[in-house]
Amino acid sequence: MAIKQGEPAFEKFLSQTVSDWNKTGYVLQLETKYHIQHSKFAEDAHKAAK
């Protein structure tokens, strides 16, 4: 994701949100829900965030 420079509060919020998604496996859950094969990126991010 890209954000406009000079938006530190939004950058922090987005960073924390994506970190939470990785920790909880949210992206993997969405891939499963919508019958999408799990991406290597999402699997690796989830493993790294545990």
PDB file of N, CA and C in Angstrom:
ATOM      1  N   MET A   1       0.840  -1.169   0.000  1.00  0.00           N
ATOM      2  CA  MET A   1       0.000   0.000   0.000  1.00  0.00           C
ATOM      3  C   MET A   1       0.887   1.234   0.000  1.00  0.00           C
ATOM      4  N   ALA A   2       0.379   2.260  -0.580  1.00  0.00           N
ATOM      5  CA  ALA A   2       1.116   3.517  -0.621  1.00  0.00           C
ATOM      6  C   ALA A   2       0.307   4.601   0.083  1.00  0.00           C
ATOM      7  N   ILE A   3       1.017   5.474   0.741  1.00  0.00           N
ATOM      8  CA  ILE A   3       0.362   6.615   1.389  1.00  0.00           C
ATOM      9  C   ILE A   3       1.162   7.875   1.094  1.00  0.00           C
ATOM     10  N   LYS A   4       0.503   8.983   1.211  1.00  0.00           N
ATOM     11  CA  LYS A   4       1.139  10.278   0.997  1.00  0.00           C
ATOM     12  C   LYS A   4       2.173  10.519   2.092  1.00  0.00           C
ATOM     13  N   GLN A   5       3.347  11.011   1.720  1.00  0.00           N
ATOM     14  CA  GLN A   5       4.365  11.354   2.710  1.00  0.00           C
ATOM     15  C   GLN A   5       3.865  12.497   3.576  1.00  0.00           C
ATOM     16  N   GLY A   6       4.319  12.499   4.813  1.00  0.00           N
ATOM     17  CA  GLY A   6       3.924  13.565   5.719  1.00  0.00           C
ATOM     18  C   GLY A   6       2.642  13.258   6.475  1.00  0.00           C
ATOM     19  N   GLU A   7       2.258  11.995   6.501  1.00  0.00           N
ATOM     20  CA  GLU A   7       1.050  11.571   7.224  1.00  0.00           C
ATOM     21  C   GLU A   7       1.457  10.536   8.280  1.00  0.00           C
ATOM     22  N   PRO A   8       2.239  10.927   9.290  1.00  0.00           N
ATOM     23  CA  PRO A   8       2.772   9.950  10.249  1.00  0.00           C
ATOM     24  C   PRO A   8       1.702   9.214  11.050  1.00  0.00           C
ATOM     25  N   ALA A   9       0.621   9.864  11.383  1.00  0.00           N
ATOM     26  CA  ALA A   9      -0.430   9.197  12.156  1.00  0.00           C
ATOM     27  C   ALA A   9      -1.096   8.108  11.317  1.00  0.00           C
ATOM     28  N   PHE A  10      -1.372   8.419  10.057  1.00  0.00           N
ATOM     29  CA  PHE A  10      -1.989   7.434   9.172  1.00  0.00           C
ATOM     30  C   PHE A  10      -1.008   6.302   8.872  1.00  0.00           C
ATOM     31  N   GLU A  11       0.263   6.645   8.697  1.00  0.00           N
ATOM     32  CA  GLU A  11       1.294   5.629   8.457  1.00  0.00           C
ATOM     33  C   GLU A  11       1.356   4.646   9.635  1.00  0.00           C
ATOM     34  N   LYS A  12       1.325   5.173  10.854  1.00  0.00           N
ATOM     35  CA  LYS A  12       1.365   4.323  12.043  1.00  0.00           C
ATOM     36  C   LYS A  12       0.122   3.439  12.111  1.00  0.00           C
ATOM     37  N   PHE A  13      -1.041   4.026  11.869  1.00  0.00           N
ATOM     38  CA  PHE A  13      -2.298   3.279  11.882  1.00  0.00           C
ATOM     39  C   PHE A  13      -2.267   2.141  10.862  1.00  0.00           C
ATOM     40  N   LEU A  14      -1.855   2.455   9.642  1.00  0.00           N
ATOM     41  CA  LEU A  14      -1.835   1.455   8.580  1.00  0.00           C
ATOM     42  C   LEU A  14      -0.824   0.354   8.887  1.00  0.00           C
ATOM     43  N   SER A  15       0.323   0.724   9.401  1.00  0.00           N
ATOM     44  CA  SER A  15       1.345  -0.251   9.762  1.00  0.00           C
ATOM     45  C   SER A  15       0.835  -1.208  10.840  1.00  0.00           C
ATOM     46  N   GLN A  16       0.182  -0.664  11.847  1.00  0.00           N
ATOM     47  CA  GLN A  16      -0.373  -1.500  12.918  1.00  0.00           C
ATOM     48  C   GLN A  16      -1.490  -2.402  12.398  1.00  0.00           C
ATOM     49  N   THR A  17      -2.302  -1.877  11.519  1.00  0.00           N
ATOM     50  CA  THR A  17      -3.404  -2.655  10.953  1.00  0.00           C
ATOM     51  C   THR A  17      -2.870  -3.848  10.161  1.00  0.00           C
ATOM     52  N   VAL A  18      -1.904  -3.606   9.298  1.00  0.00           N
ATOM     53  CA  VAL A  18      -1.340  -4.686   8.492  1.00  0.00           C
ATOM     54  C   VAL A  18      -0.619  -5.694   9.387  1.00  0.00           C
ATOM     55  N   SER A  19       0.069  -5.230  10.406  1.00  0.00           N
ATOM     56  CA  SER A  19       0.722  -6.135  11.352  1.00  0.00           C
ATOM     57  C   SER A  19      -0.308  -7.028  12.041  1.00  0.00           C
ATOM     58  N   ASP A  20      -1.418  -6.438  12.446  1.00  0.00           N
ATOM     59  CA  ASP A  20      -2.492  -7.221  13.067  1.00  0.00           C
ATOM     60  C   ASP A  20      -3.049  -8.248  12.092  1.00  0.00           C
ATOM     61  N   TRP A  21      -3.260  -7.858  10.845  1.00  0.00           N
ATOM     62  CA  TRP A  21      -3.760  -8.794   9.828  1.00  0.00           C
ATOM     63  C   TRP A  21      -2.804  -9.975   9.691  1.00  0.00           C
ATOM     64  N   ASN A  22      -1.504  -9.677   9.681  1.00  0.00           N
ATOM     65  CA  ASN A  22      -0.515 -10.748   9.537  1.00  0.00           C
ATOM     66  C   ASN A  22      -0.521 -11.672  10.757  1.00  0.00           C
ATOM     67  N   LYS A  23      -0.578 -11.098  11.942  1.00  0.00           N
ATOM     68  CA  LYS A  23      -0.568 -11.903  13.171  1.00  0.00           C
ATOM     69  C   LYS A  23      -1.791 -12.801  13.274  1.00  0.00           C
ATOM     70  N   THR A  24      -2.948 -12.254  12.936  1.00  0.00           N
ATOM     71  CA  THR A  24      -4.191 -13.000  13.109  1.00  0.00           C
ATOM     72  C   THR A  24      -4.509 -13.918  11.935  1.00  0.00           C
ATOM     73  N   GLY A  25      -3.809 -13.753  10.831  1.00  0.00           N
ATOM     74  CA  GLY A  25      -4.103 -14.551   9.643  1.00  0.00           C
ATOM     75  C   GLY A  25      -5.326 -14.054   8.887  1.00  0.00           C
ATOM     76  N   TYR A  26      -5.668 -12.804   9.080  1.00  0.00           N
ATOM     77  CA  TYR A  26      -6.872 -12.235   8.465  1.00  0.00           C
ATOM     78  C   TYR A  26      -6.849 -12.354   6.942  1.00  0.00           C
ATOM     79  N   VAL A  27      -5.719 -12.082   6.331  1.00  0.00           N
ATOM     80  CA  VAL A  27      -5.633 -12.171   4.870  1.00  0.00           C
ATOM     81  C   VAL A  27      -5.861 -13.613   4.425  1.00  0.00           C
ATOM     82  N   LEU A  28      -5.286 -14.563   5.160  1.00  0.00           N
ATOM     83  CA  LEU A  28      -5.499 -15.974   4.835  1.00  0.00           C
ATOM     84  C   LEU A  28      -6.978 -16.335   4.987  1.00  0.00           C
ATOM     85  N   GLN A  29      -7.629 -15.797   6.011  1.00  0.00           N
ATOM     86  CA  GLN A  29      -9.055 -16.053   6.214  1.00  0.00           C
ATOM     87  C   GLN A  29      -9.880 -15.519   5.040  1.00  0.00           C
ATOM     88  N   LEU A  30      -9.528 -14.344   4.565  1.00  0.00           N
ATOM     89  CA  LEU A  30     -10.245 -13.778   3.424  1.00  0.00           C
ATOM     90  C   LEU A  30     -10.009 -14.599   2.166  1.00  0.00           C
ATOM     91  N   GLU A  31      -8.775 -15.049   1.972  1.00  0.00           N
ATOM     92  CA  GLU A  31      -8.496 -15.891   0.812  1.00  0.00           C
ATOM     93  C   GLU A  31      -9.337 -17.163   0.867  1.00  0.00           C
ATOM     94  N   THR A  32      -9.444 -17.751   2.043  1.00  0.00           N
ATOM     95  CA  THR A  32     -10.260 -18.954   2.206  1.00  0.00           C
ATOM     96  C   THR A  32     -11.734 -18.640   1.953  1.00  0.00           C
ATOM     97  N   LYS A  33     -12.210 -17.564   2.549  1.00  0.00           N
ATOM     98  CA  LYS A  33     -13.617 -17.186   2.412  1.00  0.00           C
ATOM     99  C   LYS A  33     -14.017 -17.023   0.951  1.00  0.00           C
ATOM    100  N   TYR A  34     -13.134 -16.429   0.159  1.00  0.00           N
ATOM    101  CA  TYR A  34     -13.451 -16.147  -1.236  1.00  0.00           C
ATOM    102  C   TYR A  34     -12.873 -17.189  -2.198  1.00  0.00           C
ATOM    103  N   HIS A  35     -12.503 -18.350  -1.625  1.00  0.00           N
ATOM    104  CA  HIS A  35     -12.038 -19.499  -2.421  1.00  0.00           C
ATOM    105  C   HIS A  35     -10.845 -19.139  -3.315  1.00  0.00           C
ATOM    106  N   ILE A  36      -9.921 -18.404  -2.718  1.00  0.00           N
ATOM    107  CA  ILE A  36      -8.681 -18.033  -3.397  1.00  0.00           C
ATOM    108  C   ILE A  36      -7.566 -18.853  -2.768  1.00  0.00           C
ATOM    109  N   GLN A  37      -6.725 -19.428  -3.606  1.00  0.00           N
ATOM    110  CA  GLN A  37      -5.591 -20.191  -3.083  1.00  0.00           C
ATOM    111  C   GLN A  37      -4.709 -19.259  -2.253  1.00  0.00           C
ATOM    112  N   HIS A  38      -4.259 -19.755  -1.102  1.00  0.00           N
ATOM    113  CA  HIS A  38      -3.418 -18.923  -0.243  1.00  0.00           C
ATOM    114  C   HIS A  38      -2.150 -18.514  -0.989  1.00  0.00           C
ATOM    115  N   SER A  39      -1.862 -17.231  -0.916  1.00  0.00           N
ATOM    116  CA  SER A  39      -0.658 -16.723  -1.565  1.00  0.00           C
ATOM    117  C   SER A  39       0.555 -17.011  -0.674  1.00  0.00           C
ATOM    118  N   LYS A  40       1.678 -17.218  -1.310  1.00  0.00           N
ATOM    119  CA  LYS A  40       2.912 -17.454  -0.567  1.00  0.00           C
ATOM    120  C   LYS A  40       3.224 -16.233   0.297  1.00  0.00           C
ATOM    121  N   PHE A  41       2.973 -15.050  -0.233  1.00  0.00           N
ATOM    122  CA  PHE A  41       3.241 -13.822   0.519  1.00  0.00           C
ATOM    123  C   PHE A  41       2.447 -13.792   1.821  1.00  0.00           C
ATOM    124  N   ALA A  42       1.148 -14.085   1.740  1.00  0.00           N
ATOM    125  CA  ALA A  42       0.307 -14.051   2.940  1.00  0.00           C
ATOM    126  C   ALA A  42       0.719 -15.131   3.931  1.00  0.00           C
ATOM    127  N   GLU A  43       1.051 -16.313   3.432  1.00  0.00           N
ATOM    128  CA  GLU A  43       1.496 -17.385   4.322  1.00  0.00           C
ATOM    129  C   GLU A  43       2.802 -17.019   5.021  1.00  0.00           C
ATOM    130  N   ASP A  44       3.751 -16.493   4.249  1.00  0.00           N
ATOM    131  CA  ASP A  44       5.046 -16.108   4.835  1.00  0.00           C
ATOM    132  C   ASP A  44       4.897 -14.956   5.832  1.00  0.00           C
ATOM    133  N   ALA A  45       4.062 -13.992   5.515  1.00  0.00           N
ATOM    134  CA  ALA A  45       3.851 -12.861   6.423  1.00  0.00           C
ATOM    135  C   ALA A  45       3.222 -13.332   7.730  1.00  0.00           C
ATOM    136  N   HIS A  46       2.295 -14.263   7.636  1.00  0.00           N
ATOM    137  CA  HIS A  46       1.640 -14.807   8.831  1.00  0.00           C
ATOM    138  C   HIS A  46       2.633 -15.571   9.692  1.00  0.00           C
ATOM    139  N   LYS A  47       3.447 -16.411   9.074  1.00  0.00           N
ATOM    140  CA  LYS A  47       4.464 -17.183   9.812  1.00  0.00           C
ATOM    141  C   LYS A  47       5.460 -16.244  10.491  1.00  0.00           C
ATOM    142  N   ALA A  48       5.879 -15.211   9.808  1.00  0.00           N
ATOM    143  CA  ALA A  48       6.862 -14.277  10.348  1.00  0.00           C
ATOM    144  C   ALA A  48       6.287 -13.443  11.500  1.00  0.00           C
ATOM    145  N   ALA A  49       4.989 -13.205  11.479  1.00  0.00           N
ATOM    146  CA  ALA A  49       4.367 -12.339  12.480  1.00  0.00           C
ATOM    147  C   ALA A  49       3.987 -13.068  13.760  1.00  0.00           C
ATOM    148  N   LYS A  50       3.992 -14.379  13.742  1.00  0.00           N
ATOM    149  CA  LYS A  50       3.574 -15.145  14.925  1.00  0.00           C
ATOM    150  C   LYS A  50       4.467 -14.864  16.098  1.00  0.00           C
TER     151      LYS A  50
END
